[in-house]
Amino acid sequence: MINDDIIAYIEKSILCWLATASADGIPNVSPKEIFCWSEGYFLIANIASPGSMKNIKQNNKVCISFIDILEQKGYQLKGEAELIDSKNEQFQKFSTPLKNIAGEKYPFHSLIKIEINSAKPILAPSYLLYPDMPVSDKINAAKKQYVLNT
């Protein structure tokens, strides 16, 4: 289900967005900066996520999205989350790739391990309206719109 293209988008994304819901169905969406795909799971470091952690304890179904803002495409993943704290025997194994990303700047003592059960692409409407437009044109248009002259 998670293929090389999805992994490439995970690796080049700066942020992902984690959607959770409370037991009462109250939604919460939160940006996450330290995340990766490792050992067959989507992993997120718990840096400052009390709302996400509380919701996952009540309802472990989650949705993650990430996009390349210039290409205007990415993926939405859905799955079931498990909270792992530093006392859990799995913590060392699953925290290592996250610590490699976080370095000393973002210490964390728990993480979210997500088993993915569905994945689908996220595409800007221009991909449907202008399917023959080259991706490079979409990138140039996004740079102009957001004044990113690189």
C-alpha atoms as a PDB file:
ATOM      1  CA  MET A   1       0.000   0.000   0.000  1.00  0.00           C
ATOM      2  CA  ILE A   2       2.776   2.470   0.880  1.00  0.00           C
ATOM      3  CA  ASN A   3       4.858   2.675  -2.272  1.00  0.00           C
ATOM      4  CA  ASP A   4       8.073   4.482  -3.179  1.00  0.00           C
ATOM      5  CA  ASP A   5       6.191   7.554  -4.449  1.00  0.00           C
ATOM      6  CA  ILE A   6       4.388   7.986  -1.127  1.00  0.00           C
ATOM      7  CA  ILE A   7       7.652   7.535   0.785  1.00  0.00           C
ATOM      8  CA  ALA A   8       9.313  10.155  -1.444  1.00  0.00           C
ATOM      9  CA  TYR A   9       6.563  12.659  -0.583  1.00  0.00           C
ATOM     10  CA  ILE A  10       6.872  11.859   3.120  1.00  0.00           C
ATOM     11  CA  GLU A  11      10.613  12.478   2.942  1.00  0.00           C
ATOM     12  CA  LYS A  12      10.355  15.802   1.091  1.00  0.00           C
ATOM     13  CA  SER A  13       7.467  17.220   3.121  1.00  0.00           C
ATOM     14  CA  ILE A  14       8.315  19.812   5.749  1.00  0.00           C
ATOM     15  CA  LEU A  15       5.103  19.386   7.717  1.00  0.00           C
ATOM     16  CA  CYS A  16       2.370  16.830   7.891  1.00  0.00           C
ATOM     17  CA  TRP A  17      -1.072  17.379   9.332  1.00  0.00           C
ATOM     18  CA  LEU A  18      -2.478  14.878  11.808  1.00  0.00           C
ATOM     19  CA  ALA A  19      -6.256  14.742  12.137  1.00  0.00           C
ATOM     20  CA  THR A  20      -7.731  13.118  15.221  1.00  0.00           C
ATOM     21  CA  ALA A  21     -11.162  13.081  16.829  1.00  0.00           C
ATOM     22  CA  SER A  22     -12.277  12.781  20.415  1.00  0.00           C
ATOM     23  CA  ALA A  23     -14.584  10.027  21.604  1.00  0.00           C
ATOM     24  CA  ASP A  24     -17.421  12.525  20.989  1.00  0.00           C
ATOM     25  CA  GLY A  25     -16.277  13.075  17.392  1.00  0.00           C
ATOM     26  CA  ILE A  26     -14.843  16.564  17.970  1.00  0.00           C
ATOM     27  CA  PRO A  27     -12.135  16.964  15.299  1.00  0.00           C
ATOM     28  CA  ASN A  28      -8.623  18.293  15.796  1.00  0.00           C
ATOM     29  CA  VAL A  29      -5.988  18.945  13.147  1.00  0.00           C
ATOM     30  CA  SER A  30      -2.427  19.629  14.192  1.00  0.00           C
ATOM     31  CA  PRO A  31       0.802  20.269  12.264  1.00  0.00           C
ATOM     32  CA  LYS A  32       3.664  17.869  12.922  1.00  0.00           C
ATOM     33  CA  GLU A  33       7.277  18.634  12.081  1.00  0.00           C
ATOM     34  CA  ILE A  34       9.149  15.494  13.138  1.00  0.00           C
ATOM     35  CA  PHE A  35       7.809  12.455  11.278  1.00  0.00           C
ATOM     36  CA  CYS A  36       8.979   9.642   9.013  1.00  0.00           C
ATOM     37  CA  TRP A  37       8.163   6.289   7.469  1.00  0.00           C
ATOM     38  CA  SER A  38      10.116   3.513   9.173  1.00  0.00           C
ATOM     39  CA  GLU A  39       9.713  -0.198   9.930  1.00  0.00           C
ATOM     40  CA  GLY A  40       6.389  -0.238   8.042  1.00  0.00           C
ATOM     41  CA  TYR A  41       4.795   2.522  10.126  1.00  0.00           C
ATOM     42  CA  PHE A  42       4.242   6.270   9.929  1.00  0.00           C
ATOM     43  CA  LEU A  43       5.942   7.689  13.022  1.00  0.00           C
ATOM     44  CA  ILE A  44       5.418  11.102  14.618  1.00  0.00           C
ATOM     45  CA  ALA A  45       7.400  12.514  17.541  1.00  0.00           C
ATOM     46  CA  ASN A  46       5.217  13.932  20.296  1.00  0.00           C
ATOM     47  CA  ILE A  47       6.833  17.357  20.658  1.00  0.00           C
ATOM     48  CA  ALA A  48       3.861  19.454  21.816  1.00  0.00           C
ATOM     49  CA  SER A  49       0.699  17.517  21.043  1.00  0.00           C
ATOM     50  CA  PRO A  50      -1.536  17.254  24.115  1.00  0.00           C
ATOM     51  CA  GLY A  51      -4.753  17.461  22.063  1.00  0.00           C
ATOM     52  CA  SER A  52      -3.653  14.794  19.596  1.00  0.00           C
ATOM     53  CA  MET A  53      -2.450  12.504  22.382  1.00  0.00           C
ATOM     54  CA  LYS A  54      -5.685  12.896  24.361  1.00  0.00           C
ATOM     55  CA  ASN A  55      -7.801  12.191  21.284  1.00  0.00           C
ATOM     56  CA  ILE A  56      -5.786   9.119  20.269  1.00  0.00           C
ATOM     57  CA  LYS A  57      -6.295   7.670  23.764  1.00  0.00           C
ATOM     58  CA  GLN A  58     -10.055   8.008  23.191  1.00  0.00           C
ATOM     59  CA  ASN A  59     -10.196   7.190  19.472  1.00  0.00           C
ATOM     60  CA  ASN A  60      -7.169   5.729  17.703  1.00  0.00           C
ATOM     61  CA  LYS A  61      -8.403   6.324  14.146  1.00  0.00           C
ATOM     62  CA  VAL A  62      -6.333   9.071  12.498  1.00  0.00           C
ATOM     63  CA  CYS A  63      -5.705  10.746   9.157  1.00  0.00           C
ATOM     64  CA  ILE A  64      -2.405  12.239   7.995  1.00  0.00           C
ATOM     65  CA  SER A  65      -1.904  14.519   5.016  1.00  0.00           C
ATOM     66  CA  PHE A  66       1.203  15.992   3.458  1.00  0.00           C
ATOM     67  CA  ILE A  67       1.807  17.848   0.215  1.00  0.00           C
ATOM     68  CA  ASP A  68       4.559  19.410  -1.791  1.00  0.00           C
ATOM     69  CA  ILE A  69       3.276  22.988  -1.801  1.00  0.00           C
ATOM     70  CA  LEU A  70       4.915  23.843  -5.111  1.00  0.00           C
ATOM     71  CA  GLU A  71       3.844  20.720  -6.999  1.00  0.00           C
ATOM     72  CA  GLN A  72       0.474  21.024  -5.251  1.00  0.00           C
ATOM     73  CA  LYS A  73       0.126  17.310  -4.696  1.00  0.00           C
ATOM     74  CA  GLY A  74       0.750  14.775  -1.982  1.00  0.00           C
ATOM     75  CA  TYR A  75      -1.064  12.053  -0.084  1.00  0.00           C
ATOM     76  CA  GLN A  76      -3.682  11.384   2.542  1.00  0.00           C
ATOM     77  CA  LEU A  77      -3.125   8.342   4.751  1.00  0.00           C
ATOM     78  CA  LYS A  78      -5.594   6.826   7.194  1.00  0.00           C
ATOM     79  CA  GLY A  79      -4.883   4.337   9.917  1.00  0.00           C
ATOM     80  CA  GLU A  80      -4.843   3.400  13.555  1.00  0.00           C
ATOM     81  CA  ALA A  81      -2.491   5.061  16.010  1.00  0.00           C
ATOM     82  CA  GLU A  82      -0.678   3.688  19.018  1.00  0.00           C
ATOM     83  CA  LEU A  83       0.967   5.881  21.640  1.00  0.00           C
ATOM     84  CA  ILE A  84       4.419   4.769  22.715  1.00  0.00           C
ATOM     85  CA  ASP A  85       6.170   6.437  25.644  1.00  0.00           C
ATOM     86  CA  SER A  86       9.769   6.091  26.784  1.00  0.00           C
ATOM     87  CA  LYS A  87       8.835   3.328  29.251  1.00  0.00           C
ATOM     88  CA  ASN A  88       7.556   1.126  26.423  1.00  0.00           C
ATOM     89  CA  GLU A  89      10.059  -1.477  25.155  1.00  0.00           C
ATOM     90  CA  GLN A  90       9.290  -0.370  21.560  1.00  0.00           C
ATOM     91  CA  PHE A  91      10.297   3.244  22.225  1.00  0.00           C
ATOM     92  CA  GLN A  92      14.014   2.861  21.476  1.00  0.00           C
ATOM     93  CA  LYS A  93      13.387   1.120  18.146  1.00  0.00           C
ATOM     94  CA  PHE A  94      10.777   3.563  16.870  1.00  0.00           C
ATOM     95  CA  SER A  95      12.249   6.744  18.342  1.00  0.00           C
ATOM     96  CA  THR A  96      15.674   6.320  16.695  1.00  0.00           C
ATOM     97  CA  PRO A  97      14.718   7.510  13.172  1.00  0.00           C
ATOM     98  CA  LEU A  98      12.722  10.388  14.676  1.00  0.00           C
ATOM     99  CA  LYS A  99      15.646  11.406  16.911  1.00  0.00           C
ATOM    100  CA  ASN A 100      17.875  11.423  13.821  1.00  0.00           C
ATOM    101  CA  ILE A 101      15.536  14.031  12.326  1.00  0.00           C
ATOM    102  CA  ALA A 102      14.906  15.995  15.526  1.00  0.00           C
ATOM    103  CA  GLY A 103      18.464  16.111  16.812  1.00  0.00           C
ATOM    104  CA  GLU A 104      18.945  17.866  20.141  1.00  0.00           C
ATOM    105  CA  LYS A 105      16.630  20.707  19.118  1.00  0.00           C
ATOM    106  CA  TYR A 106      13.374  18.819  19.705  1.00  0.00           C
ATOM    107  CA  PRO A 107      13.559  16.346  22.595  1.00  0.00           C
ATOM    108  CA  PHE A 108      10.575  14.042  23.005  1.00  0.00           C
ATOM    109  CA  HIS A 109       9.578  11.262  25.367  1.00  0.00           C
ATOM    110  CA  SER A 110       6.722   9.695  23.451  1.00  0.00           C
ATOM    111  CA  LEU A 111       5.684   9.088  19.874  1.00  0.00           C
ATOM    112  CA  ILE A 112       2.746   8.133  17.722  1.00  0.00           C
ATOM    113  CA  LYS A 113       3.065   4.927  15.685  1.00  0.00           C
ATOM    114  CA  ILE A 114       0.458   4.647  12.942  1.00  0.00           C
ATOM    115  CA  GLU A 115      -0.426   1.514  11.034  1.00  0.00           C
ATOM    116  CA  ILE A 116      -1.703   2.706   7.659  1.00  0.00           C
ATOM    117  CA  ASN A 117      -4.745   1.009   6.156  1.00  0.00           C
ATOM    118  CA  SER A 118      -5.553   3.357   3.258  1.00  0.00           C
ATOM    119  CA  ALA A 119      -3.747   5.870   1.079  1.00  0.00           C
ATOM    120  CA  LYS A 120      -4.956   8.195  -1.627  1.00  0.00           C
ATOM    121  CA  PRO A 121      -3.395  11.035  -3.605  1.00  0.00           C
ATOM    122  CA  ILE A 122      -4.125  14.675  -2.883  1.00  0.00           C
ATOM    123  CA  LEU A 123      -4.189  16.770  -6.056  1.00  0.00           C
ATOM    124  CA  ALA A 124      -4.876  20.456  -6.581  1.00  0.00           C
ATOM    125  CA  PRO A 125      -7.873  21.105  -8.846  1.00  0.00           C
ATOM    126  CA  SER A 126      -5.521  22.201 -11.641  1.00  0.00           C
ATOM    127  CA  TYR A 127      -4.505  18.550 -12.119  1.00  0.00           C
ATOM    128  CA  LEU A 128      -8.094  17.761 -13.048  1.00  0.00           C
ATOM    129  CA  LEU A 129      -8.880  20.963 -14.928  1.00  0.00           C
ATOM    130  CA  TYR A 130      -5.587  21.111 -16.847  1.00  0.00           C
ATOM    131  CA  PRO A 131      -4.285  17.534 -17.023  1.00  0.00           C
ATOM    132  CA  ASP A 132      -1.833  18.354 -19.846  1.00  0.00           C
ATOM    133  CA  MET A 133      -0.176  21.233 -17.946  1.00  0.00           C
ATOM    134  CA  PRO A 134       3.401  20.244 -17.066  1.00  0.00           C
ATOM    135  CA  VAL A 135       4.246  20.051 -13.362  1.00  0.00           C
ATOM    136  CA  SER A 136       6.991  22.614 -13.980  1.00  0.00           C
ATOM    137  CA  ASP A 137       4.304  25.132 -15.026  1.00  0.00           C
ATOM    138  CA  LYS A 138       2.365  24.414 -11.828  1.00  0.00           C
ATOM    139  CA  ILE A 139       5.531  24.957  -9.784  1.00  0.00           C
ATOM    140  CA  ASN A 140       6.282  28.255 -11.567  1.00  0.00           C
ATOM    141  CA  ALA A 141       2.693  29.434 -11.043  1.00  0.00           C
ATOM    142  CA  ALA A 142       2.879  28.575  -7.336  1.00  0.00           C
ATOM    143  CA  LYS A 143       6.189  30.418  -6.994  1.00  0.00           C
ATOM    144  CA  LYS A 144       4.664  33.504  -8.615  1.00  0.00           C
ATOM    145  CA  GLN A 145       1.565  33.339  -6.455  1.00  0.00           C
ATOM    146  CA  TYR A 146       3.555  32.946  -3.262  1.00  0.00           C
ATOM    147  CA  VAL A 147       6.464  35.157  -4.419  1.00  0.00           C
ATOM    148  CA  LEU A 148       9.047  32.401  -4.152  1.00  0.00           C
ATOM    149  CA  ASN A 149      11.584  33.481  -6.716  1.00  0.00           C
ATOM    150  CA  THR A 150      14.302  30.864  -6.400  1.00  0.00           C
END
